[in-house]
Amino acid sequence: MQGTKVLDCTLRDGGYYTCWDFDRQLVKDYAQVVQRLPIDVVEIGYRAPPCLDRYYGEYYYLPLRTIERLHGWLNGSVDLAVMLNAKDCRIDDVVSLLEGCERWVKLVRMAVAPD
């Protein structure tokens, strides 16, 4: 399957059930398993501006220290991806949301509602 990349979105998609908070040991165990699988990219969560009316979890805001920690646990064996949600950020937010991520994040996906 030349040219095909496998993206795993367990953390980002699983966050809908955990409010984007995960036990640190669970994520570390997940990272160890991912390294043994034919996965090329791990989508680790969202990068989003702070929400004033509610807190979504660590993997919704993805502080740089969290991205760096997960990159270390994966030993650079896969590329990291984050998702931006168009409904949560303005075009002016994109640069600041991605600033500092370039070192670890190789793919950015944008969630956009069809309407």
PDB file of N, CA and C in Angstrom:
ATOM      1  N   MET A   1       0.833  -1.186   0.000  1.00  0.00           N
ATOM      2  CA  MET A   1       0.000   0.000   0.000  1.00  0.00           C
ATOM      3  C   MET A   1       0.873   1.243   0.000  1.00  0.00           C
ATOM      4  N   GLN A   2       1.636   1.379  -1.022  1.00  0.00           N
ATOM      5  CA  GLN A   2       2.538   2.510  -1.138  1.00  0.00           C
ATOM      6  C   GLN A   2       1.745   3.820  -1.131  1.00  0.00           C
ATOM      7  N   GLY A   3       2.201   4.768  -0.337  1.00  0.00           N
ATOM      8  CA  GLY A   3       1.549   6.064  -0.263  1.00  0.00           C
ATOM      9  C   GLY A   3       0.406   6.126   0.728  1.00  0.00           C
ATOM     10  N   THR A   4      -0.057   4.987   1.207  1.00  0.00           N
ATOM     11  CA  THR A   4      -1.157   4.964   2.172  1.00  0.00           C
ATOM     12  C   THR A   4      -0.611   5.186   3.572  1.00  0.00           C
ATOM     13  N   LYS A   5      -1.287   6.034   4.319  1.00  0.00           N
ATOM     14  CA  LYS A   5      -0.911   6.296   5.711  1.00  0.00           C
ATOM     15  C   LYS A   5      -2.072   5.893   6.599  1.00  0.00           C
ATOM     16  N   VAL A   6      -1.767   5.307   7.739  1.00  0.00           N
ATOM     17  CA  VAL A   6      -2.786   4.921   8.699  1.00  0.00           C
ATOM     18  C   VAL A   6      -2.781   5.937   9.838  1.00  0.00           C
ATOM     19  N   LEU A   7      -3.943   6.548  10.058  1.00  0.00           N
ATOM     20  CA  LEU A   7      -4.111   7.537  11.119  1.00  0.00           C
ATOM     21  C   LEU A   7      -4.992   6.937  12.207  1.00  0.00           C
ATOM     22  N   ASP A   8      -4.531   6.989  13.439  1.00  0.00           N
ATOM     23  CA  ASP A   8      -5.319   6.527  14.584  1.00  0.00           C
ATOM     24  C   ASP A   8      -5.835   7.749  15.326  1.00  0.00           C
ATOM     25  N   CYS A   9      -7.134   7.792  15.575  1.00  0.00           N
ATOM     26  CA  CYS A   9      -7.706   8.945  16.287  1.00  0.00           C
ATOM     27  C   CYS A   9      -8.366   8.521  17.595  1.00  0.00           C
ATOM     28  N   THR A  10      -7.842   7.479  18.230  1.00  0.00           N
ATOM     29  CA  THR A  10      -8.410   6.966  19.477  1.00  0.00           C
ATOM     30  C   THR A  10      -8.529   8.045  20.540  1.00  0.00           C
ATOM     31  N   LEU A  11      -7.484   8.824  20.745  1.00  0.00           N
ATOM     32  CA  LEU A  11      -7.526   9.847  21.797  1.00  0.00           C
ATOM     33  C   LEU A  11      -8.471  10.983  21.441  1.00  0.00           C
ATOM     34  N   ARG A  12      -8.353  11.507  20.237  1.00  0.00           N
ATOM     35  CA  ARG A  12      -9.204  12.638  19.863  1.00  0.00           C
ATOM     36  C   ARG A  12     -10.668  12.228  19.842  1.00  0.00           C
ATOM     37  N   ASP A  13     -10.983  11.117  19.208  1.00  0.00           N
ATOM     38  CA  ASP A  13     -12.370  10.672  19.117  1.00  0.00           C
ATOM     39  C   ASP A  13     -12.870  10.134  20.460  1.00  0.00           C
ATOM     40  N   GLY A  14     -12.015   9.452  21.179  1.00  0.00           N
ATOM     41  CA  GLY A  14     -12.396   8.917  22.488  1.00  0.00           C
ATOM     42  C   GLY A  14     -12.690  10.002  23.504  1.00  0.00           C
ATOM     43  N   GLY A  15     -12.172  11.186  23.259  1.00  0.00           N
ATOM     44  CA  GLY A  15     -12.402  12.306  24.163  1.00  0.00           C
ATOM     45  C   GLY A  15     -13.865  12.679  24.309  1.00  0.00           C
ATOM     46  N   TYR A  16     -14.676  12.337  23.323  1.00  0.00           N
ATOM     47  CA  TYR A  16     -16.111  12.614  23.428  1.00  0.00           C
ATOM     48  C   TYR A  16     -16.732  11.863  24.606  1.00  0.00           C
ATOM     49  N   TYR A  17     -16.104  10.768  25.011  1.00  0.00           N
ATOM     50  CA  TYR A  17     -16.633   9.955  26.110  1.00  0.00           C
ATOM     51  C   TYR A  17     -15.963  10.253  27.444  1.00  0.00           C
ATOM     52  N   THR A  18     -14.848  10.977  27.412  1.00  0.00           N
ATOM     53  CA  THR A  18     -14.097  11.242  28.647  1.00  0.00           C
ATOM     54  C   THR A  18     -13.917  12.735  28.910  1.00  0.00           C
ATOM     55  N   CYS A  19     -14.624  13.556  28.163  1.00  0.00           N
ATOM     56  CA  CYS A  19     -14.441  15.019  28.227  1.00  0.00           C
ATOM     57  C   CYS A  19     -12.977  15.392  27.988  1.00  0.00           C
ATOM     58  N   TRP A  20     -12.331  14.665  27.124  1.00  0.00           N
ATOM     59  CA  TRP A  20     -10.943  14.900  26.699  1.00  0.00           C
ATOM     60  C   TRP A  20      -9.939  14.909  27.843  1.00  0.00           C
ATOM     61  N   ASP A  21     -10.268  14.214  28.904  1.00  0.00           N
ATOM     62  CA  ASP A  21      -9.311  13.973  29.981  1.00  0.00           C
ATOM     63  C   ASP A  21      -9.047  12.474  30.040  1.00  0.00           C
ATOM     64  N   PHE A  22      -7.788  12.126  30.103  1.00  0.00           N
ATOM     65  CA  PHE A  22      -7.392  10.726  30.171  1.00  0.00           C
ATOM     66  C   PHE A  22      -6.399  10.547  31.304  1.00  0.00           C
ATOM     67  N   ASP A  23      -6.476   9.421  31.958  1.00  0.00           N
ATOM     68  CA  ASP A  23      -5.495   9.064  32.968  1.00  0.00           C
ATOM     69  C   ASP A  23      -4.118   9.002  32.299  1.00  0.00           C
ATOM     70  N   ARG A  24      -3.133   9.594  32.905  1.00  0.00           N
ATOM     71  CA  ARG A  24      -1.799   9.678  32.308  1.00  0.00           C
ATOM     72  C   ARG A  24      -1.216   8.300  32.012  1.00  0.00           C
ATOM     73  N   GLN A  25      -1.411   7.352  32.911  1.00  0.00           N
ATOM     74  CA  GLN A  25      -0.873   6.002  32.695  1.00  0.00           C
ATOM     75  C   GLN A  25      -1.574   5.322  31.515  1.00  0.00           C
ATOM     76  N   LEU A  26      -2.859   5.564  31.348  1.00  0.00           N
ATOM     77  CA  LEU A  26      -3.588   5.003  30.210  1.00  0.00           C
ATOM     78  C   LEU A  26      -2.990   5.505  28.892  1.00  0.00           C
ATOM     79  N   VAL A  27      -2.693   6.784  28.819  1.00  0.00           N
ATOM     80  CA  VAL A  27      -2.115   7.353  27.598  1.00  0.00           C
ATOM     81  C   VAL A  27      -0.711   6.802  27.373  1.00  0.00           C
ATOM     82  N   LYS A  28       0.032   6.644  28.433  1.00  0.00           N
ATOM     83  CA  LYS A  28       1.382   6.076  28.316  1.00  0.00           C
ATOM     84  C   LYS A  28       1.312   4.632  27.809  1.00  0.00           C
ATOM     85  N   ASP A  29       0.369   3.847  28.333  1.00  0.00           N
ATOM     86  CA  ASP A  29       0.176   2.470  27.869  1.00  0.00           C
ATOM     87  C   ASP A  29      -0.251   2.454  26.402  1.00  0.00           C
ATOM     88  N   TYR A  30      -1.150   3.362  26.041  1.00  0.00           N
ATOM     89  CA  TYR A  30      -1.606   3.484  24.651  1.00  0.00           C
ATOM     90  C   TYR A  30      -0.404   3.762  23.735  1.00  0.00           C
ATOM     91  N   ALA A  31       0.468   4.666  24.148  1.00  0.00           N
ATOM     92  CA  ALA A  31       1.652   5.012  23.347  1.00  0.00           C
ATOM     93  C   ALA A  31       2.542   3.793  23.127  1.00  0.00           C
ATOM     94  N   GLN A  32       2.682   2.963  24.139  1.00  0.00           N
ATOM     95  CA  GLN A  32       3.512   1.761  24.004  1.00  0.00           C
ATOM     96  C   GLN A  32       2.901   0.783  22.998  1.00  0.00           C
ATOM     97  N   VAL A  33       1.583   0.660  23.004  1.00  0.00           N
ATOM     98  CA  VAL A  33       0.903  -0.231  22.061  1.00  0.00           C
ATOM     99  C   VAL A  33       1.015   0.310  20.639  1.00  0.00           C
ATOM    100  N   VAL A  34       0.790   1.600  20.469  1.00  0.00           N
ATOM    101  CA  VAL A  34       0.840   2.221  19.136  1.00  0.00           C
ATOM    102  C   VAL A  34       2.182   1.963  18.463  1.00  0.00           C
ATOM    103  N   GLN A  35       3.249   1.974  19.223  1.00  0.00           N
ATOM    104  CA  GLN A  35       4.575   1.773  18.640  1.00  0.00           C
ATOM    105  C   GLN A  35       4.744   0.388  18.026  1.00  0.00           C
ATOM    106  N   ARG A  36       3.909  -0.556  18.431  1.00  0.00           N
ATOM    107  CA  ARG A  36       4.001  -1.923  17.905  1.00  0.00           C
ATOM    108  C   ARG A  36       3.029  -2.180  16.750  1.00  0.00           C
ATOM    109  N   LEU A  37       2.245  -1.191  16.389  1.00  0.00           N
ATOM    110  CA  LEU A  37       1.234  -1.346  15.349  1.00  0.00           C
ATOM    111  C   LEU A  37       1.639  -0.589  14.081  1.00  0.00           C
ATOM    112  N   PRO A  38       1.059  -0.946  12.943  1.00  0.00           N
ATOM    113  CA  PRO A  38       1.405  -0.250  11.692  1.00  0.00           C
ATOM    114  C   PRO A  38       0.646   1.074  11.556  1.00  0.00           C
ATOM    115  N   ILE A  39       0.845   1.948  12.521  1.00  0.00           N
ATOM    116  CA  ILE A  39       0.196   3.264  12.548  1.00  0.00           C
ATOM    117  C   ILE A  39       1.237   4.306  12.200  1.00  0.00           C
ATOM    118  N   ASP A  40       0.891   5.204  11.289  1.00  0.00           N
ATOM    119  CA  ASP A  40       1.810   6.240  10.841  1.00  0.00           C
ATOM    120  C   ASP A  40       1.600   7.568  11.554  1.00  0.00           C
ATOM    121  N   VAL A  41       0.338   7.866  11.890  1.00  0.00           N
ATOM    122  CA  VAL A  41      -0.023   9.158  12.465  1.00  0.00           C
ATOM    123  C   VAL A  41      -1.005   8.929  13.614  1.00  0.00           C
ATOM    124  N   VAL A  42      -0.791   9.640  14.713  1.00  0.00           N
ATOM    125  CA  VAL A  42      -1.725   9.605  15.835  1.00  0.00           C
ATOM    126  C   VAL A  42      -2.314  10.996  16.010  1.00  0.00           C
ATOM    127  N   GLU A  43      -3.629  11.078  15.876  1.00  0.00           N
ATOM    128  CA  GLU A  43      -4.325  12.341  16.112  1.00  0.00           C
ATOM    129  C   GLU A  43      -4.614  12.403  17.613  1.00  0.00           C
ATOM    130  N   ILE A  44      -3.932  13.306  18.292  1.00  0.00           N
ATOM    131  CA  ILE A  44      -3.945  13.273  19.751  1.00  0.00           C
ATOM    132  C   ILE A  44      -5.054  14.092  20.387  1.00  0.00           C
ATOM    133  N   GLY A  45      -5.666  14.978  19.661  1.00  0.00           N
ATOM    134  CA  GLY A  45      -6.754  15.772  20.228  1.00  0.00           C
ATOM    135  C   GLY A  45      -6.927  17.070  19.484  1.00  0.00           C
ATOM    136  N   TYR A  46      -7.607  17.979  20.121  1.00  0.00           N
ATOM    137  CA  TYR A  46      -7.865  19.300  19.548  1.00  0.00           C
ATOM    138  C   TYR A  46      -6.869  20.317  20.092  1.00  0.00           C
ATOM    139  N   ARG A  47      -6.683  21.378  19.340  1.00  0.00           N
ATOM    140  CA  ARG A  47      -6.067  22.601  19.857  1.00  0.00           C
ATOM    141  C   ARG A  47      -7.184  23.617  19.778  1.00  0.00           C
ATOM    142  N   ALA A  48      -7.580  24.153  20.900  1.00  0.00           N
ATOM    143  CA  ALA A  48      -8.721  25.070  20.927  1.00  0.00           C
ATOM    144  C   ALA A  48      -8.449  26.209  21.893  1.00  0.00           C
ATOM    145  N   PRO A  49      -9.029  27.374  21.617  1.00  0.00           N
ATOM    146  CA  PRO A  49      -8.902  28.483  22.563  1.00  0.00           C
ATOM    147  C   PRO A  49      -9.713  28.161  23.825  1.00  0.00           C
ATOM    148  N   PRO A  50      -9.342  28.735  24.949  1.00  0.00           N
ATOM    149  CA  PRO A  50     -10.102  28.484  26.186  1.00  0.00           C
ATOM    150  C   PRO A  50     -11.574  28.850  26.011  1.00  0.00           C
ATOM    151  N   CYS A  51     -12.420  28.025  26.572  1.00  0.00           N
ATOM    152  CA  CYS A  51     -13.867  28.243  26.510  1.00  0.00           C
ATOM    153  C   CYS A  51     -14.297  28.879  27.826  1.00  0.00           C
ATOM    154  N   LEU A  52     -15.018  29.962  27.757  1.00  0.00           N
ATOM    155  CA  LEU A  52     -15.401  30.688  28.969  1.00  0.00           C
ATOM    156  C   LEU A  52     -16.523  30.029  29.753  1.00  0.00           C
ATOM    157  N   ASP A  53     -17.395  29.286  29.090  1.00  0.00           N
ATOM    158  CA  ASP A  53     -18.554  28.739  29.795  1.00  0.00           C
ATOM    159  C   ASP A  53     -18.369  27.315  30.296  1.00  0.00           C
ATOM    160  N   ARG A  54     -17.296  26.635  29.861  1.00  0.00           N
ATOM    161  CA  ARG A  54     -17.115  25.241  30.253  1.00  0.00           C
ATOM    162  C   ARG A  54     -15.677  24.821  30.003  1.00  0.00           C
ATOM    163  N   TYR A  55     -15.176  23.920  30.836  1.00  0.00           N
ATOM    164  CA  TYR A  55     -13.849  23.354  30.616  1.00  0.00           C
ATOM    165  C   TYR A  55     -13.999  22.011  29.921  1.00  0.00           C
ATOM    166  N   TYR A  56     -13.337  21.878  28.792  1.00  0.00           N
ATOM    167  CA  TYR A  56     -13.218  20.578  28.142  1.00  0.00           C
ATOM    168  C   TYR A  56     -11.845  20.062  28.567  1.00  0.00           C
ATOM    169  N   GLY A  57     -11.504  18.878  28.452  1.00  0.00           N
ATOM    170  CA  GLY A  57     -10.296  18.327  29.051  1.00  0.00           C
ATOM    171  C   GLY A  57      -8.978  18.720  28.427  1.00  0.00           C
ATOM    172  N   GLU A  58      -7.930  18.177  29.022  1.00  0.00           N
ATOM    173  CA  GLU A  58      -6.550  18.456  28.623  1.00  0.00           C
ATOM    174  C   GLU A  58      -6.315  18.184  27.138  1.00  0.00           C
ATOM    175  N   TYR A  59      -6.927  17.126  26.607  1.00  0.00           N
ATOM    176  CA  TYR A  59      -6.703  16.762  25.212  1.00  0.00           C
ATOM    177  C   TYR A  59      -7.626  17.515  24.254  1.00  0.00           C
ATOM    178  N   TYR A  60      -8.413  18.435  24.789  1.00  0.00           N
ATOM    179  CA  TYR A  60      -9.174  19.345  23.940  1.00  0.00           C
ATOM    180  C   TYR A  60      -8.364  20.620  23.696  1.00  0.00           C
ATOM    181  N   TYR A  61      -7.637  21.039  24.710  1.00  0.00           N
ATOM    182  CA  TYR A  61      -6.822  22.254  24.605  1.00  0.00           C
ATOM    183  C   TYR A  61      -5.372  21.943  24.247  1.00  0.00           C
ATOM    184  N   LEU A  62      -4.918  20.743  24.547  1.00  0.00           N
ATOM    185  CA  LEU A  62      -3.566  20.275  24.260  1.00  0.00           C
ATOM    186  C   LEU A  62      -2.467  21.298  24.530  1.00  0.00           C
ATOM    187  N   PRO A  63      -2.185  21.534  25.795  1.00  0.00           N
ATOM    188  CA  PRO A  63      -1.042  22.402  26.094  1.00  0.00           C
ATOM    189  C   PRO A  63       0.236  21.813  25.472  1.00  0.00           C
ATOM    190  N   LEU A  64       1.165  22.667  25.151  1.00  0.00           N
ATOM    191  CA  LEU A  64       2.405  22.210  24.514  1.00  0.00           C
ATOM    192  C   LEU A  64       3.112  21.145  25.343  1.00  0.00           C
ATOM    193  N   ARG A  65       3.054  21.260  26.649  1.00  0.00           N
ATOM    194  CA  ARG A  65       3.724  20.263  27.501  1.00  0.00           C
ATOM    195  C   ARG A  65       3.094  18.875  27.323  1.00  0.00           C
ATOM    196  N   THR A  66       1.794  18.819  27.062  1.00  0.00           N
ATOM    197  CA  THR A  66       1.115  17.542  26.834  1.00  0.00           C
ATOM    198  C   THR A  66       1.536  16.950  25.495  1.00  0.00           C
ATOM    199  N   ILE A  67       1.620  17.784  24.470  1.00  0.00           N
ATOM    200  CA  ILE A  67       2.062  17.323  23.156  1.00  0.00           C
ATOM    201  C   ILE A  67       3.492  16.795  23.250  1.00  0.00           C
ATOM    202  N   GLU A  68       4.347  17.538  23.911  1.00  0.00           N
ATOM    203  CA  GLU A  68       5.746  17.130  24.048  1.00  0.00           C
ATOM    204  C   GLU A  68       5.864  15.819  24.825  1.00  0.00           C
ATOM    205  N   ARG A  69       5.091  15.675  25.893  1.00  0.00           N
ATOM    206  CA  ARG A  69       5.123  14.452  26.702  1.00  0.00           C
ATOM    207  C   ARG A  69       4.710  13.243  25.860  1.00  0.00           C
ATOM    208  N   LEU A  70       3.628  13.385  25.116  1.00  0.00           N
ATOM    209  CA  LEU A  70       3.152  12.267  24.301  1.00  0.00           C
ATOM    210  C   LEU A  70       4.145  11.939  23.186  1.00  0.00           C
ATOM    211  N   HIS A  71       4.730  12.945  22.597  1.00  0.00           N
ATOM    212  CA  HIS A  71       5.765  12.711  21.581  1.00  0.00           C
ATOM    213  C   HIS A  71       6.901  11.893  22.183  1.00  0.00           C
ATOM    214  N   GLY A  72       7.292  12.234  23.386  1.00  0.00           N
ATOM    215  CA  GLY A  72       8.350  11.475  24.063  1.00  0.00           C
ATOM    216  C   GLY A  72       7.949  10.034  24.331  1.00  0.00           C
ATOM    217  N   TRP A  73       6.728   9.819  24.789  1.00  0.00           N
ATOM    218  CA  TRP A  73       6.248   8.455  25.048  1.00  0.00           C
ATOM    219  C   TRP A  73       6.192   7.624  23.766  1.00  0.00           C
ATOM    220  N   LEU A  74       5.944   8.276  22.639  1.00  0.00           N
ATOM    221  CA  LEU A  74       5.901   7.571  21.357  1.00  0.00           C
ATOM    222  C   LEU A  74       7.286   7.424  20.733  1.00  0.00           C
ATOM    223  N   ASN A  75       8.293   8.006  21.349  1.00  0.00           N
ATOM    224  CA  ASN A  75       9.680   7.908  20.885  1.00  0.00           C
ATOM    225  C   ASN A  75       9.849   8.328  19.433  1.00  0.00           C
ATOM    226  N   GLY A  76       9.021   9.266  18.980  1.00  0.00           N
ATOM    227  CA  GLY A  76       9.134   9.726  17.601  1.00  0.00           C
ATOM    228  C   GLY A  76       8.781   8.661  16.573  1.00  0.00           C
ATOM    229  N   SER A  77       8.138   7.560  17.010  1.00  0.00           N
ATOM    230  CA  SER A  77       7.849   6.446  16.100  1.00  0.00           C
ATOM    231  C   SER A  77       6.698   6.724  15.139  1.00  0.00           C
ATOM    232  N   VAL A  78       5.861   7.692  15.450  1.00  0.00           N
ATOM    233  CA  VAL A  78       4.743   8.074  14.575  1.00  0.00           C
ATOM    234  C   VAL A  78       4.675   9.593  14.519  1.00  0.00           C
ATOM    235  N   ASP A  79       4.039  10.099  13.489  1.00  0.00           N
ATOM    236  CA  ASP A  79       3.791  11.538  13.413  1.00  0.00           C
ATOM    237  C   ASP A  79       2.582  11.876  14.272  1.00  0.00           C
ATOM    238  N   LEU A  80       2.564  13.081  14.804  1.00  0.00           N
ATOM    239  CA  LEU A  80       1.427  13.546  15.596  1.00  0.00           C
ATOM    240  C   LEU A  80       0.564  14.483  14.762  1.00  0.00           C
ATOM    241  N   ALA A  81      -0.740  14.387  15.004  1.00  0.00           N
ATOM    242  CA  ALA A  81      -1.703  15.267  14.344  1.00  0.00           C
ATOM    243  C   ALA A  81      -2.595  15.877  15.412  1.00  0.00           C
ATOM    244  N   VAL A  82      -3.093  17.068  15.133  1.00  0.00           N
ATOM    245  CA  VAL A  82      -4.092  17.709  15.981  1.00  0.00           C
ATOM    246  C   VAL A  82      -5.253  18.131  15.090  1.00  0.00           C
ATOM    247  N   MET A  83      -6.383  18.382  15.726  1.00  0.00           N
ATOM    248  CA  MET A  83      -7.542  18.851  14.982  1.00  0.00           C
ATOM    249  C   MET A  83      -7.934  20.228  15.482  1.00  0.00           C
ATOM    250  N   LEU A  84      -8.308  21.079  14.563  1.00  0.00           N
ATOM    251  CA  LEU A  84      -8.913  22.372  14.879  1.00  0.00           C
ATOM    252  C   LEU A  84     -10.374  22.279  14.484  1.00  0.00           C
ATOM    253  N   ASN A  85     -11.246  22.806  15.319  1.00  0.00           N
ATOM    254  CA  ASN A  85     -12.663  22.795  15.023  1.00  0.00           C
ATOM    255  C   ASN A  85     -13.069  24.193  14.575  1.00  0.00           C
ATOM    256  N   ALA A  86     -13.528  24.313  13.347  1.00  0.00           N
ATOM    257  CA  ALA A  86     -13.859  25.627  12.778  1.00  0.00           C
ATOM    258  C   ALA A  86     -14.885  26.380  13.624  1.00  0.00           C
ATOM    259  N   LYS A  87     -15.769  25.663  14.298  1.00  0.00           N
ATOM    260  CA  LYS A  87     -16.784  26.350  15.109  1.00  0.00           C
ATOM    261  C   LYS A  87     -16.199  26.929  16.399  1.00  0.00           C
ATOM    262  N   ASP A  88     -15.019  26.470  16.787  1.00  0.00           N
ATOM    263  CA  ASP A  88     -14.400  26.928  18.037  1.00  0.00           C
ATOM    264  C   ASP A  88     -13.338  27.993  17.847  1.00  0.00           C
ATOM    265  N   CYS A  89     -12.913  28.231  16.629  1.00  0.00           N
ATOM    266  CA  CYS A  89     -11.838  29.200  16.442  1.00  0.00           C
ATOM    267  C   CYS A  89     -12.078  30.039  15.199  1.00  0.00           C
ATOM    268  N   ARG A  90     -11.592  31.241  15.292  1.00  0.00           N
ATOM    269  CA  ARG A  90     -11.639  32.153  14.147  1.00  0.00           C
ATOM    270  C   ARG A  90     -10.362  31.976  13.346  1.00  0.00           C
ATOM    271  N   ILE A  91     -10.386  32.445  12.133  1.00  0.00           N
ATOM    272  CA  ILE A  91      -9.206  32.351  11.282  1.00  0.00           C
ATOM    273  C   ILE A  91      -8.001  33.024  11.949  1.00  0.00           C
ATOM    274  N   ASP A  92      -8.259  34.091  12.704  1.00  0.00           N
ATOM    275  CA  ASP A  92      -7.180  34.796  13.405  1.00  0.00           C
ATOM    276  C   ASP A  92      -6.565  33.964  14.520  1.00  0.00           C
ATOM    277  N   ASP A  93      -7.278  32.934  15.000  1.00  0.00           N
ATOM    278  CA  ASP A  93      -6.786  32.081  16.091  1.00  0.00           C
ATOM    279  C   ASP A  93      -5.822  31.008  15.601  1.00  0.00           C
ATOM    280  N   VAL A  94      -5.891  30.675  14.330  1.00  0.00           N
ATOM    281  CA  VAL A  94      -5.165  29.513  13.823  1.00  0.00           C
ATOM    282  C   VAL A  94      -3.664  29.620  14.075  1.00  0.00           C
ATOM    283  N   VAL A  95      -3.069  30.729  13.764  1.00  0.00           N
ATOM    284  CA  VAL A  95      -1.619  30.878  13.946  1.00  0.00           C
ATOM    285  C   VAL A  95      -1.240  30.711  15.412  1.00  0.00           C
ATOM    286  N   SER A  96      -1.968  31.355  16.309  1.00  0.00           N
ATOM    287  CA  SER A  96      -1.622  31.247  17.729  1.00  0.00           C
ATOM    288  C   SER A  96      -1.891  29.845  18.268  1.00  0.00           C
ATOM    289  N   LEU A  97      -2.913  29.165  17.783  1.00  0.00           N
ATOM    290  CA  LEU A  97      -3.199  27.802  18.242  1.00  0.00           C
ATOM    291  C   LEU A  97      -2.121  26.812  17.801  1.00  0.00           C
ATOM    292  N   LEU A  98      -1.514  27.070  16.670  1.00  0.00           N
ATOM    293  CA  LEU A  98      -0.495  26.147  16.162  1.00  0.00           C
ATOM    294  C   LEU A  98       0.930  26.560  16.528  1.00  0.00           C
ATOM    295  N   GLU A  99       1.073  27.772  17.032  1.00  0.00           N
ATOM    296  CA  GLU A  99       2.400  28.268  17.396  1.00  0.00           C
ATOM    297  C   GLU A  99       3.031  27.368  18.452  1.00  0.00           C
ATOM    298  N   GLY A 100       4.252  26.948  18.188  1.00  0.00           N
ATOM    299  CA  GLY A 100       4.977  26.091  19.109  1.00  0.00           C
ATOM    300  C   GLY A 100       4.752  24.611  18.874  1.00  0.00           C
ATOM    301  N   CYS A 101       3.726  24.258  18.120  1.00  0.00           N
ATOM    302  CA  CYS A 101       3.413  22.852  17.852  1.00  0.00           C
ATOM    303  C   CYS A 101       4.274  22.260  16.739  1.00  0.00           C
ATOM    304  N   GLU A 102       4.820  23.114  15.887  1.00  0.00           N
ATOM    305  CA  GLU A 102       5.505  22.649  14.682  1.00  0.00           C
ATOM    306  C   GLU A 102       6.586  21.626  14.968  1.00  0.00           C
ATOM    307  N   ARG A 103       7.168  21.730  16.117  1.00  0.00           N
ATOM    308  CA  ARG A 103       8.263  20.834  16.482  1.00  0.00           C
ATOM    309  C   ARG A 103       7.805  19.378  16.564  1.00  0.00           C
ATOM    310  N   TRP A 104       6.552  19.173  16.992  1.00  0.00           N
ATOM    311  CA  TRP A 104       6.053  17.812  17.210  1.00  0.00           C
ATOM    312  C   TRP A 104       4.905  17.436  16.280  1.00  0.00           C
ATOM    313  N   VAL A 105       4.087  18.386  15.894  1.00  0.00           N
ATOM    314  CA  VAL A 105       2.884  18.099  15.113  1.00  0.00           C
ATOM    315  C   VAL A 105       3.194  18.211  13.619  1.00  0.00           C
ATOM    316  N   LYS A 106       2.864  17.153  12.883  1.00  0.00           N
ATOM    317  CA  LYS A 106       3.157  17.106  11.448  1.00  0.00           C
ATOM    318  C   LYS A 106       1.907  17.208  10.582  1.00  0.00           C
ATOM    319  N   LEU A 107       0.722  17.116  11.203  1.00  0.00           N
ATOM    320  CA  LEU A 107      -0.517  17.162  10.442  1.00  0.00           C
ATOM    321  C   LEU A 107      -1.578  17.891  11.258  1.00  0.00           C
ATOM    322  N   VAL A 108      -2.305  18.770  10.581  1.00  0.00           N
ATOM    323  CA  VAL A 108      -3.422  19.490  11.214  1.00  0.00           C
ATOM    324  C   VAL A 108      -4.658  19.189  10.387  1.00  0.00           C
ATOM    325  N   ARG A 109      -5.679  18.690  11.054  1.00  0.00           N
ATOM    326  CA  ARG A 109      -6.965  18.471  10.375  1.00  0.00           C
ATOM    327  C   ARG A 109      -7.930  19.537  10.856  1.00  0.00           C
ATOM    328  N   MET A 110      -8.803  19.929   9.970  1.00  0.00           N
ATOM    329  CA  MET A 110      -9.790  20.961  10.300  1.00  0.00           C
ATOM    330  C   MET A 110     -11.173  20.330  10.213  1.00  0.00           C
ATOM    331  N   ALA A 111     -11.915  20.418  11.314  1.00  0.00           N
ATOM    332  CA  ALA A 111     -13.306  19.959  11.330  1.00  0.00           C
ATOM    333  C   ALA A 111     -14.187  21.118  10.900  1.00  0.00           C
ATOM    334  N   VAL A 112     -14.947  20.912   9.847  1.00  0.00           N
ATOM    335  CA  VAL A 112     -15.794  21.964   9.306  1.00  0.00           C
ATOM    336  C   VAL A 112     -17.179  21.373   9.060  1.00  0.00           C
ATOM    337  N   ALA A 113     -18.202  22.032   9.609  1.00  0.00           N
ATOM    338  CA  ALA A 113     -19.569  21.582   9.385  1.00  0.00           C
ATOM    339  C   ALA A 113     -19.940  21.824   7.920  1.00  0.00           C
ATOM    340  N   PRO A 114     -20.706  20.926   7.324  1.00  0.00           N
ATOM    341  CA  PRO A 114     -21.030  21.071   5.904  1.00  0.00           C
ATOM    342  C   PRO A 114     -21.809  22.348   5.583  1.00  0.00           C
ATOM    343  N   ASP A 115     -22.505  22.886   6.553  1.00  0.00           N
ATOM    344  CA  ASP A 115     -23.272  24.103   6.273  1.00  0.00           C
ATOM    345  C   ASP A 115     -22.413  25.317   6.522  1.00  0.00           C
TER     346      ASP A 115
END
